[in-house]
Amino acid sequence: MSAGTAATRAYLALGGNVGDSRATLDGAVLALSDADGMRLVARSSDYKTPPWGVTDQAPFINLCVAIDTTLAPRALLASIHGIERRFGRDRASEQRWGPRTLDIDIIAYDDLTLDEPGLILPHPRLFERAFVLMPLAEIAGDVTIAGRTPRAALASLDTAGIERLPPLR
């Protein structure tokens, strides 16, 4: 990011369950931190989580990051879709909520509320997903998103089967 450009805090959720997911997620976090218009502020631990939506598949590894970005929401979405493709994701040919090498979602973009085709902010299922709220609460537990904090929202959800993993190194 260039000096003097106003940045917006955004929160991203990353996950995957195909191949070496922890290595893929590490690479994706590095790619995010190297991307134009983004600066990594915080990264949660990795969490092993049961699949959601389509349950007959391998467990996922999930994490959340906080970034400061000078990109507008659509440009940020385009950038993260490019990173997904670099790590083998083909959104056009995959099953919804099915296995994937890498999924990156914009969870929140400051306090912006947006409802456009292909981009809803904050993420419409954020408060239903313990696998997102648990890592998000680790790095931004008291940040208000759509009138709630991740920590408070997590308290009302079942977290059974979600396991915080030790660092790889």
N, C-alpha and C. Protein backbone atom coordinates (compact mmCIF):
# COMPACT_ATOMS: atom_id res chain seq x y z
N MET A 1 0.85 -1.18 0.00
CA MET A 1 0.00 0.00 0.00
C MET A 1 0.88 1.23 0.00
N SER A 2 0.42 2.25 -0.62
CA SER A 2 1.20 3.47 -0.68
C SER A 2 0.94 4.33 0.55
N ALA A 3 1.95 5.05 0.96
CA ALA A 3 1.82 5.91 2.13
C ALA A 3 0.83 7.02 1.84
N GLY A 4 0.06 7.37 2.85
CA GLY A 4 -0.86 8.47 2.72
C GLY A 4 -2.22 8.10 2.15
N THR A 5 -2.39 6.88 1.67
CA THR A 5 -3.67 6.44 1.15
C THR A 5 -4.51 5.90 2.30
N ALA A 6 -5.73 6.37 2.43
CA ALA A 6 -6.60 5.90 3.50
C ALA A 6 -6.93 4.43 3.28
N ALA A 7 -6.80 3.66 4.34
CA ALA A 7 -7.07 2.23 4.25
C ALA A 7 -8.31 1.88 5.05
N THR A 8 -8.95 0.82 4.63
CA THR A 8 -10.13 0.29 5.29
C THR A 8 -9.77 -1.06 5.89
N ARG A 9 -10.24 -1.32 7.10
CA ARG A 9 -10.02 -2.63 7.73
C ARG A 9 -11.07 -3.60 7.20
N ALA A 10 -10.59 -4.72 6.72
CA ALA A 10 -11.47 -5.78 6.23
C ALA A 10 -11.08 -7.08 6.91
N TYR A 11 -12.04 -7.97 7.04
CA TYR A 11 -11.82 -9.29 7.63
C TYR A 11 -12.15 -10.33 6.58
N LEU A 12 -11.22 -11.28 6.41
CA LEU A 12 -11.38 -12.34 5.43
C LEU A 12 -11.36 -13.68 6.13
N ALA A 13 -12.17 -14.61 5.64
CA ALA A 13 -12.16 -15.99 6.12
C ALA A 13 -11.56 -16.85 5.02
N LEU A 14 -10.64 -17.73 5.40
CA LEU A 14 -10.00 -18.63 4.46
C LEU A 14 -10.24 -20.06 4.90
N GLY A 15 -10.42 -20.95 3.94
CA GLY A 15 -10.60 -22.35 4.26
C GLY A 15 -10.29 -23.22 3.07
N GLY A 16 -10.08 -24.50 3.36
CA GLY A 16 -9.85 -25.49 2.31
C GLY A 16 -9.80 -26.87 2.91
N ASN A 17 -10.04 -27.88 2.04
CA ASN A 17 -9.97 -29.26 2.51
C ASN A 17 -9.47 -30.23 1.44
N VAL A 18 -8.80 -29.71 0.41
CA VAL A 18 -8.25 -30.55 -0.64
C VAL A 18 -6.74 -30.35 -0.66
N GLY A 19 -5.98 -31.44 -0.63
CA GLY A 19 -4.52 -31.35 -0.63
C GLY A 19 -4.00 -30.97 0.75
N ASP A 20 -2.81 -30.38 0.79
CA ASP A 20 -2.20 -29.94 2.04
C ASP A 20 -2.78 -28.57 2.39
N SER A 21 -3.93 -28.58 3.05
CA SER A 21 -4.68 -27.35 3.29
C SER A 21 -3.91 -26.34 4.11
N ARG A 22 -3.15 -26.79 5.10
CA ARG A 22 -2.42 -25.82 5.92
C ARG A 22 -1.35 -25.11 5.10
N ALA A 23 -0.67 -25.85 4.24
CA ALA A 23 0.34 -25.23 3.37
C ALA A 23 -0.33 -24.28 2.37
N THR A 24 -1.47 -24.67 1.83
CA THR A 24 -2.20 -23.81 0.90
C THR A 24 -2.63 -22.53 1.60
N LEU A 25 -3.16 -22.65 2.81
CA LEU A 25 -3.61 -21.46 3.54
C LEU A 25 -2.43 -20.55 3.88
N ASP A 26 -1.30 -21.14 4.27
CA ASP A 26 -0.10 -20.33 4.52
C ASP A 26 0.29 -19.56 3.27
N GLY A 27 0.27 -20.25 2.13
CA GLY A 27 0.61 -19.60 0.86
C GLY A 27 -0.38 -18.50 0.50
N ALA A 28 -1.66 -18.74 0.78
CA ALA A 28 -2.68 -17.74 0.48
C ALA A 28 -2.52 -16.51 1.36
N VAL A 29 -2.21 -16.71 2.64
CA VAL A 29 -1.99 -15.57 3.54
C VAL A 29 -0.78 -14.76 3.06
N LEU A 30 0.27 -15.44 2.64
CA LEU A 30 1.44 -14.75 2.09
C LEU A 30 1.06 -13.98 0.82
N ALA A 31 0.26 -14.60 -0.04
CA ALA A 31 -0.17 -13.93 -1.27
C ALA A 31 -1.01 -12.69 -0.95
N LEU A 32 -1.87 -12.79 0.05
CA LEU A 32 -2.67 -11.63 0.46
C LEU A 32 -1.76 -10.51 0.96
N SER A 33 -0.77 -10.88 1.76
CA SER A 33 0.11 -9.85 2.34
C SER A 33 1.02 -9.21 1.28
N ASP A 34 1.23 -9.92 0.17
CA ASP A 34 2.05 -9.39 -0.93
C ASP A 34 1.23 -8.67 -1.99
N ALA A 35 -0.09 -8.77 -1.92
CA ALA A 35 -0.94 -8.21 -2.97
C ALA A 35 -0.98 -6.69 -2.90
N ASP A 36 -1.08 -6.07 -4.05
CA ASP A 36 -1.20 -4.61 -4.11
C ASP A 36 -2.47 -4.18 -3.38
N GLY A 37 -2.35 -3.13 -2.59
CA GLY A 37 -3.50 -2.57 -1.92
C GLY A 37 -3.93 -3.28 -0.66
N MET A 38 -3.12 -4.23 -0.17
CA MET A 38 -3.46 -4.97 1.04
C MET A 38 -2.26 -5.03 1.97
N ARG A 39 -2.55 -4.94 3.27
CA ARG A 39 -1.52 -5.14 4.29
C ARG A 39 -2.11 -6.02 5.38
N LEU A 40 -1.44 -7.13 5.66
CA LEU A 40 -1.89 -8.05 6.69
C LEU A 40 -1.72 -7.41 8.06
N VAL A 41 -2.77 -7.42 8.86
CA VAL A 41 -2.76 -6.84 10.20
C VAL A 41 -2.74 -7.93 11.26
N ALA A 42 -3.52 -9.00 11.06
CA ALA A 42 -3.59 -10.09 12.05
C ALA A 42 -4.00 -11.37 11.34
N ARG A 43 -3.55 -12.48 11.90
CA ARG A 43 -3.92 -13.82 11.41
C ARG A 43 -4.29 -14.67 12.61
N SER A 44 -5.39 -15.37 12.50
CA SER A 44 -5.80 -16.27 13.58
C SER A 44 -4.99 -17.56 13.50
N SER A 45 -5.20 -18.40 14.49
CA SER A 45 -4.71 -19.77 14.44
C SER A 45 -5.45 -20.51 13.33
N ASP A 46 -4.93 -21.67 12.96
CA ASP A 46 -5.65 -22.58 12.06
C ASP A 46 -6.61 -23.41 12.92
N TYR A 47 -7.78 -23.70 12.35
CA TYR A 47 -8.78 -24.52 13.04
C TYR A 47 -9.20 -25.65 12.12
N LYS A 48 -9.23 -26.86 12.67
CA LYS A 48 -9.78 -28.01 11.95
C LYS A 48 -11.27 -28.02 12.26
N THR A 49 -12.10 -28.05 11.20
CA THR A 49 -13.54 -27.90 11.40
C THR A 49 -14.31 -28.94 10.59
N PRO A 50 -15.45 -29.37 11.13
CA PRO A 50 -16.29 -30.29 10.35
C PRO A 50 -16.84 -29.57 9.12
N PRO A 51 -17.09 -30.31 8.03
CA PRO A 51 -17.67 -29.68 6.85
C PRO A 51 -19.05 -29.11 7.16
N TRP A 52 -19.41 -28.06 6.42
CA TRP A 52 -20.68 -27.36 6.61
C TRP A 52 -21.40 -27.35 5.28
N GLY A 53 -22.69 -27.55 5.29
CA GLY A 53 -23.46 -27.57 4.04
C GLY A 53 -23.47 -28.97 3.46
N VAL A 54 -22.41 -29.36 2.79
CA VAL A 54 -22.22 -30.73 2.28
C VAL A 54 -21.33 -31.43 3.30
N THR A 55 -21.93 -32.36 4.07
CA THR A 55 -21.18 -32.94 5.20
C THR A 55 -20.38 -34.19 4.84
N ASP A 56 -20.60 -34.77 3.68
CA ASP A 56 -19.89 -35.98 3.29
C ASP A 56 -18.61 -35.61 2.54
N GLN A 57 -17.65 -35.04 3.29
CA GLN A 57 -16.36 -34.66 2.72
C GLN A 57 -15.36 -34.51 3.87
N ALA A 58 -14.11 -34.32 3.52
CA ALA A 58 -13.05 -34.20 4.53
C ALA A 58 -13.25 -32.94 5.37
N PRO A 59 -12.72 -32.96 6.60
CA PRO A 59 -12.76 -31.74 7.42
C PRO A 59 -12.01 -30.61 6.72
N PHE A 60 -12.36 -29.39 7.10
CA PHE A 60 -11.71 -28.20 6.57
C PHE A 60 -10.68 -27.68 7.55
N ILE A 61 -9.75 -26.92 7.02
CA ILE A 61 -8.89 -26.07 7.83
C ILE A 61 -9.37 -24.64 7.55
N ASN A 62 -9.63 -23.90 8.61
CA ASN A 62 -10.13 -22.53 8.48
C ASN A 62 -9.29 -21.58 9.30
N LEU A 63 -9.25 -20.33 8.87
CA LEU A 63 -8.60 -19.25 9.62
C LEU A 63 -9.20 -17.94 9.16
N CYS A 64 -8.94 -16.89 9.91
CA CYS A 64 -9.35 -15.55 9.51
C CYS A 64 -8.16 -14.61 9.57
N VAL A 65 -8.20 -13.59 8.73
CA VAL A 65 -7.19 -12.54 8.75
C VAL A 65 -7.88 -11.19 8.78
N ALA A 66 -7.18 -10.24 9.34
CA ALA A 66 -7.56 -8.83 9.26
C ALA A 66 -6.56 -8.18 8.32
N ILE A 67 -7.07 -7.40 7.39
CA ILE A 67 -6.19 -6.66 6.48
C ILE A 67 -6.60 -5.20 6.48
N ASP A 68 -5.66 -4.35 6.18
CA ASP A 68 -5.96 -2.98 5.82
C ASP A 68 -5.83 -2.92 4.30
N THR A 69 -6.83 -2.35 3.64
CA THR A 69 -6.83 -2.33 2.19
C THR A 69 -7.23 -0.96 1.65
N THR A 70 -6.63 -0.61 0.54
CA THR A 70 -7.02 0.60 -0.18
C THR A 70 -7.92 0.23 -1.35
N LEU A 71 -8.21 -1.04 -1.52
CA LEU A 71 -9.07 -1.50 -2.61
C LEU A 71 -10.54 -1.33 -2.25
N ALA A 72 -11.34 -0.94 -3.22
CA ALA A 72 -12.78 -0.93 -3.05
C ALA A 72 -13.27 -2.38 -2.93
N PRO A 73 -14.46 -2.60 -2.38
CA PRO A 73 -14.92 -3.98 -2.16
C PRO A 73 -14.87 -4.87 -3.40
N ARG A 74 -15.33 -4.39 -4.56
CA ARG A 74 -15.29 -5.21 -5.78
C ARG A 74 -13.86 -5.53 -6.21
N ALA A 75 -12.97 -4.57 -6.09
CA ALA A 75 -11.56 -4.80 -6.45
C ALA A 75 -10.93 -5.79 -5.48
N LEU A 76 -11.28 -5.70 -4.21
CA LEU A 76 -10.78 -6.66 -3.22
C LEU A 76 -11.28 -8.06 -3.57
N LEU A 77 -12.55 -8.18 -3.90
CA LEU A 77 -13.12 -9.47 -4.28
C LEU A 77 -12.40 -10.03 -5.51
N ALA A 78 -12.15 -9.21 -6.51
CA ALA A 78 -11.44 -9.66 -7.72
C ALA A 78 -10.03 -10.13 -7.37
N SER A 79 -9.37 -9.42 -6.48
CA SER A 79 -8.01 -9.79 -6.08
C SER A 79 -8.01 -11.14 -5.36
N ILE A 80 -8.95 -11.35 -4.43
CA ILE A 80 -8.94 -12.63 -3.70
C ILE A 80 -9.38 -13.78 -4.60
N HIS A 81 -10.25 -13.52 -5.57
CA HIS A 81 -10.60 -14.57 -6.53
C HIS A 81 -9.38 -14.95 -7.37
N GLY A 82 -8.54 -13.99 -7.70
CA GLY A 82 -7.30 -14.28 -8.41
C GLY A 82 -6.37 -15.15 -7.59
N ILE A 83 -6.29 -14.88 -6.30
CA ILE A 83 -5.46 -15.71 -5.40
C ILE A 83 -6.03 -17.12 -5.32
N GLU A 84 -7.35 -17.25 -5.21
CA GLU A 84 -7.97 -18.58 -5.20
C GLU A 84 -7.58 -19.36 -6.46
N ARG A 85 -7.67 -18.72 -7.61
CA ARG A 85 -7.32 -19.40 -8.87
C ARG A 85 -5.86 -19.84 -8.88
N ARG A 86 -4.97 -19.01 -8.35
CA ARG A 86 -3.55 -19.39 -8.29
C ARG A 86 -3.33 -20.64 -7.47
N PHE A 87 -4.23 -20.91 -6.53
CA PHE A 87 -4.11 -22.10 -5.69
C PHE A 87 -5.05 -23.21 -6.14
N GLY A 88 -5.50 -23.15 -7.40
CA GLY A 88 -6.21 -24.26 -8.01
C GLY A 88 -7.72 -24.24 -7.89
N ARG A 89 -8.31 -23.17 -7.42
CA ARG A 89 -9.76 -23.15 -7.30
C ARG A 89 -10.40 -22.79 -8.63
N ASP A 90 -11.44 -23.54 -8.97
CA ASP A 90 -12.23 -23.26 -10.17
C ASP A 90 -13.68 -23.15 -9.74
N ARG A 91 -14.10 -21.94 -9.41
CA ARG A 91 -15.45 -21.71 -8.89
C ARG A 91 -16.53 -22.19 -9.86
N ALA A 92 -16.27 -22.12 -11.16
CA ALA A 92 -17.28 -22.46 -12.17
C ALA A 92 -17.64 -23.95 -12.17
N SER A 93 -16.72 -24.81 -11.75
CA SER A 93 -16.97 -26.25 -11.88
C SER A 93 -17.07 -26.98 -10.54
N GLU A 94 -17.22 -26.26 -9.45
CA GLU A 94 -17.26 -26.95 -8.17
C GLU A 94 -18.68 -27.00 -7.61
N GLN A 95 -18.86 -27.92 -6.68
CA GLN A 95 -20.13 -28.08 -5.97
C GLN A 95 -20.22 -27.03 -4.87
N ARG A 96 -21.37 -26.37 -4.73
CA ARG A 96 -21.55 -25.39 -3.66
C ARG A 96 -21.33 -26.08 -2.32
N TRP A 97 -20.50 -25.47 -1.49
CA TRP A 97 -20.13 -25.95 -0.16
C TRP A 97 -19.40 -27.29 -0.21
N GLY A 98 -18.90 -27.65 -1.39
CA GLY A 98 -18.20 -28.92 -1.54
C GLY A 98 -16.70 -28.75 -1.32
N PRO A 99 -15.95 -29.82 -1.61
CA PRO A 99 -14.49 -29.77 -1.43
C PRO A 99 -13.86 -28.68 -2.27
N ARG A 100 -12.79 -28.08 -1.74
CA ARG A 100 -12.08 -27.03 -2.47
C ARG A 100 -10.67 -26.88 -1.93
N THR A 101 -9.78 -26.45 -2.80
CA THR A 101 -8.40 -26.20 -2.37
C THR A 101 -8.33 -24.97 -1.50
N LEU A 102 -9.10 -23.93 -1.88
CA LEU A 102 -9.02 -22.66 -1.17
C LEU A 102 -10.30 -21.87 -1.38
N ASP A 103 -10.83 -21.35 -0.30
CA ASP A 103 -11.98 -20.45 -0.35
C ASP A 103 -11.60 -19.22 0.47
N ILE A 104 -11.77 -18.06 -0.11
CA ILE A 104 -11.53 -16.81 0.62
C ILE A 104 -12.80 -15.98 0.51
N ASP A 105 -13.36 -15.63 1.64
CA ASP A 105 -14.57 -14.81 1.68
C ASP A 105 -14.27 -13.50 2.39
N ILE A 106 -14.86 -12.43 1.89
CA ILE A 106 -14.84 -11.16 2.63
C ILE A 106 -15.94 -11.26 3.67
N ILE A 107 -15.56 -11.22 4.93
CA ILE A 107 -16.52 -11.32 6.02
C ILE A 107 -17.10 -9.95 6.32
N ALA A 108 -16.25 -8.96 6.40
CA ALA A 108 -16.69 -7.59 6.66
C ALA A 108 -15.68 -6.63 6.04
N TYR A 109 -16.19 -5.50 5.61
CA TYR A 109 -15.38 -4.43 5.02
C TYR A 109 -15.74 -3.19 5.81
N ASP A 110 -14.95 -2.91 6.86
CA ASP A 110 -15.25 -1.85 7.81
C ASP A 110 -16.69 -2.07 8.27
N ASP A 111 -17.51 -1.02 8.32
CA ASP A 111 -18.91 -1.20 8.72
C ASP A 111 -19.85 -1.08 7.53
N LEU A 112 -19.31 -1.32 6.34
CA LEU A 112 -20.10 -1.19 5.11
C LEU A 112 -21.17 -2.28 5.03
N THR A 113 -22.37 -1.88 4.66
CA THR A 113 -23.45 -2.80 4.32
C THR A 113 -23.66 -2.68 2.82
N LEU A 114 -23.61 -3.82 2.13
CA LEU A 114 -23.70 -3.83 0.68
C LEU A 114 -24.48 -5.07 0.27
N ASP A 115 -25.38 -4.94 -0.69
CA ASP A 115 -26.12 -6.08 -1.20
C ASP A 115 -26.22 -5.93 -2.72
N GLU A 116 -25.24 -6.52 -3.40
CA GLU A 116 -25.16 -6.49 -4.86
C GLU A 116 -25.01 -7.92 -5.36
N PRO A 117 -25.34 -8.16 -6.62
CA PRO A 117 -25.12 -9.51 -7.16
C PRO A 117 -23.66 -9.93 -6.98
N GLY A 118 -23.46 -11.06 -6.32
CA GLY A 118 -22.12 -11.59 -6.13
C GLY A 118 -21.33 -11.00 -4.98
N LEU A 119 -21.89 -10.02 -4.26
CA LEU A 119 -21.16 -9.43 -3.14
C LEU A 119 -22.14 -8.85 -2.12
N ILE A 120 -22.23 -9.54 -0.99
CA ILE A 120 -23.06 -9.08 0.12
C ILE A 120 -22.15 -8.90 1.33
N LEU A 121 -22.22 -7.71 1.92
CA LEU A 121 -21.40 -7.38 3.09
C LEU A 121 -22.28 -6.82 4.19
N PRO A 122 -22.02 -7.19 5.45
CA PRO A 122 -21.14 -8.29 5.83
C PRO A 122 -21.63 -9.62 5.25
N HIS A 123 -20.78 -10.63 5.33
CA HIS A 123 -21.12 -11.93 4.75
C HIS A 123 -22.46 -12.40 5.30
N PRO A 124 -23.38 -12.84 4.42
CA PRO A 124 -24.74 -13.13 4.86
C PRO A 124 -24.88 -14.30 5.84
N ARG A 125 -23.93 -15.22 5.88
CA ARG A 125 -24.03 -16.37 6.79
C ARG A 125 -23.01 -16.31 7.92
N LEU A 126 -22.40 -15.15 8.11
CA LEU A 126 -21.37 -15.00 9.15
C LEU A 126 -21.85 -15.51 10.50
N PHE A 127 -23.01 -15.08 10.95
CA PHE A 127 -23.45 -15.39 12.30
C PHE A 127 -24.03 -16.78 12.45
N GLU A 128 -24.03 -17.57 11.37
CA GLU A 128 -24.45 -18.99 11.42
C GLU A 128 -23.26 -19.93 11.49
N ARG A 129 -22.06 -19.43 11.30
CA ARG A 129 -20.90 -20.29 11.06
C ARG A 129 -19.86 -20.18 12.17
N ALA A 130 -19.89 -21.16 13.07
CA ALA A 130 -18.91 -21.18 14.14
C ALA A 130 -17.49 -21.34 13.58
N PHE A 131 -17.35 -22.01 12.44
CA PHE A 131 -16.02 -22.21 11.86
C PHE A 131 -15.41 -20.91 11.36
N VAL A 132 -16.21 -19.88 11.17
CA VAL A 132 -15.70 -18.55 10.84
C VAL A 132 -15.60 -17.70 12.11
N LEU A 133 -16.61 -17.76 12.94
CA LEU A 133 -16.63 -16.92 14.14
C LEU A 133 -15.52 -17.26 15.13
N MET A 134 -15.15 -18.53 15.23
CA MET A 134 -14.12 -18.91 16.20
C MET A 134 -12.77 -18.26 15.85
N PRO A 135 -12.27 -18.42 14.62
CA PRO A 135 -11.01 -17.72 14.31
C PRO A 135 -11.17 -16.20 14.27
N LEU A 136 -12.32 -15.71 13.84
CA LEU A 136 -12.54 -14.27 13.81
C LEU A 136 -12.55 -13.70 15.23
N ALA A 137 -13.17 -14.40 16.16
CA ALA A 137 -13.19 -13.94 17.55
C ALA A 137 -11.78 -13.90 18.15
N GLU A 138 -10.91 -14.76 17.66
CA GLU A 138 -9.52 -14.76 18.15
C GLU A 138 -8.80 -13.46 17.81
N ILE A 139 -9.07 -12.90 16.63
CA ILE A 139 -8.34 -11.70 16.19
C ILE A 139 -9.16 -10.42 16.28
N ALA A 140 -10.49 -10.55 16.40
CA ALA A 140 -11.36 -9.36 16.39
C ALA A 140 -12.64 -9.63 17.19
N GLY A 141 -12.49 -10.22 18.34
CA GLY A 141 -13.64 -10.67 19.12
C GLY A 141 -14.61 -9.58 19.51
N ASP A 142 -14.12 -8.37 19.70
CA ASP A 142 -14.97 -7.28 20.17
C ASP A 142 -15.30 -6.24 19.10
N VAL A 143 -14.96 -6.52 17.85
CA VAL A 143 -15.29 -5.62 16.75
C VAL A 143 -16.78 -5.79 16.43
N THR A 144 -17.48 -4.70 16.29
CA THR A 144 -18.91 -4.77 15.98
C THR A 144 -19.11 -4.90 14.47
N ILE A 145 -19.82 -5.94 14.09
CA ILE A 145 -20.16 -6.21 12.69
C ILE A 145 -21.68 -6.39 12.66
N ALA A 146 -22.35 -5.53 11.92
CA ALA A 146 -23.82 -5.60 11.82
C ALA A 146 -24.48 -5.64 13.20
N GLY A 147 -23.94 -4.86 14.12
CA GLY A 147 -24.54 -4.75 15.44
C GLY A 147 -24.19 -5.84 16.43
N ARG A 148 -23.33 -6.78 16.04
CA ARG A 148 -22.95 -7.88 16.93
C ARG A 148 -21.43 -8.01 16.93
N THR A 149 -20.90 -8.62 17.97
CA THR A 149 -19.48 -8.93 17.97
C THR A 149 -19.31 -10.42 17.67
N PRO A 150 -18.19 -10.80 17.06
CA PRO A 150 -17.95 -12.22 16.83
C PRO A 150 -18.01 -13.04 18.12
N ARG A 151 -17.46 -12.51 19.19
CA ARG A 151 -17.45 -13.25 20.47
C ARG A 151 -18.87 -13.52 20.95
N ALA A 152 -19.74 -12.50 20.91
CA ALA A 152 -21.12 -12.69 21.36
C ALA A 152 -21.88 -13.64 20.44
N ALA A 153 -21.70 -13.50 19.14
CA ALA A 153 -22.39 -14.38 18.20
C ALA A 153 -21.93 -15.83 18.37
N LEU A 154 -20.66 -16.03 18.61
CA LEU A 154 -20.12 -17.38 18.79
C LEU A 154 -20.72 -18.06 20.02
N ALA A 155 -21.01 -17.30 21.05
CA ALA A 155 -21.54 -17.86 22.30
C ALA A 155 -22.87 -18.57 22.08
N SER A 156 -23.60 -18.24 21.02
CA SER A 156 -24.91 -18.86 20.77
C SER A 156 -24.84 -20.04 19.81
N LEU A 157 -23.65 -20.41 19.36
CA LEU A 157 -23.51 -21.48 18.37
C LEU A 157 -22.83 -22.71 18.96
N ASP A 158 -23.09 -23.85 18.35
CA ASP A 158 -22.45 -25.11 18.71
C ASP A 158 -21.05 -25.14 18.09
N THR A 159 -20.04 -25.29 18.92
CA THR A 159 -18.65 -25.34 18.42
C THR A 159 -18.08 -26.76 18.47
N ALA A 160 -18.94 -27.76 18.67
CA ALA A 160 -18.48 -29.15 18.74
C ALA A 160 -17.73 -29.51 17.46
N GLY A 161 -16.60 -30.17 17.63
CA GLY A 161 -15.82 -30.64 16.49
C GLY A 161 -14.83 -29.63 15.94
N ILE A 162 -14.85 -28.40 16.43
CA ILE A 162 -13.90 -27.40 15.97
C ILE A 162 -12.68 -27.45 16.89
N GLU A 163 -11.52 -27.63 16.28
CA GLU A 163 -10.28 -27.83 17.04
C GLU A 163 -9.23 -26.81 16.62
N ARG A 164 -8.78 -26.01 17.58
CA ARG A 164 -7.68 -25.07 17.31
C ARG A 164 -6.41 -25.88 17.17
N LEU A 165 -5.68 -25.66 16.08
CA LEU A 165 -4.47 -26.43 15.81
C LEU A 165 -3.24 -25.68 16.29
N PRO A 166 -2.21 -26.43 16.71
CA PRO A 166 -0.96 -25.76 17.09
C PRO A 166 -0.27 -25.19 15.85
N PRO A 167 0.57 -24.18 16.04
CA PRO A 167 1.32 -23.64 14.90
C PRO A 167 2.14 -24.75 14.21
N LEU A 168 2.35 -24.59 12.91
CA LEU A 168 3.13 -25.57 12.16
C LEU A 168 4.62 -25.54 12.54
N ARG A 169 5.11 -24.35 12.94
CA ARG A 169 6.53 -24.25 13.25
C ARG A 169 6.75 -23.62 14.59
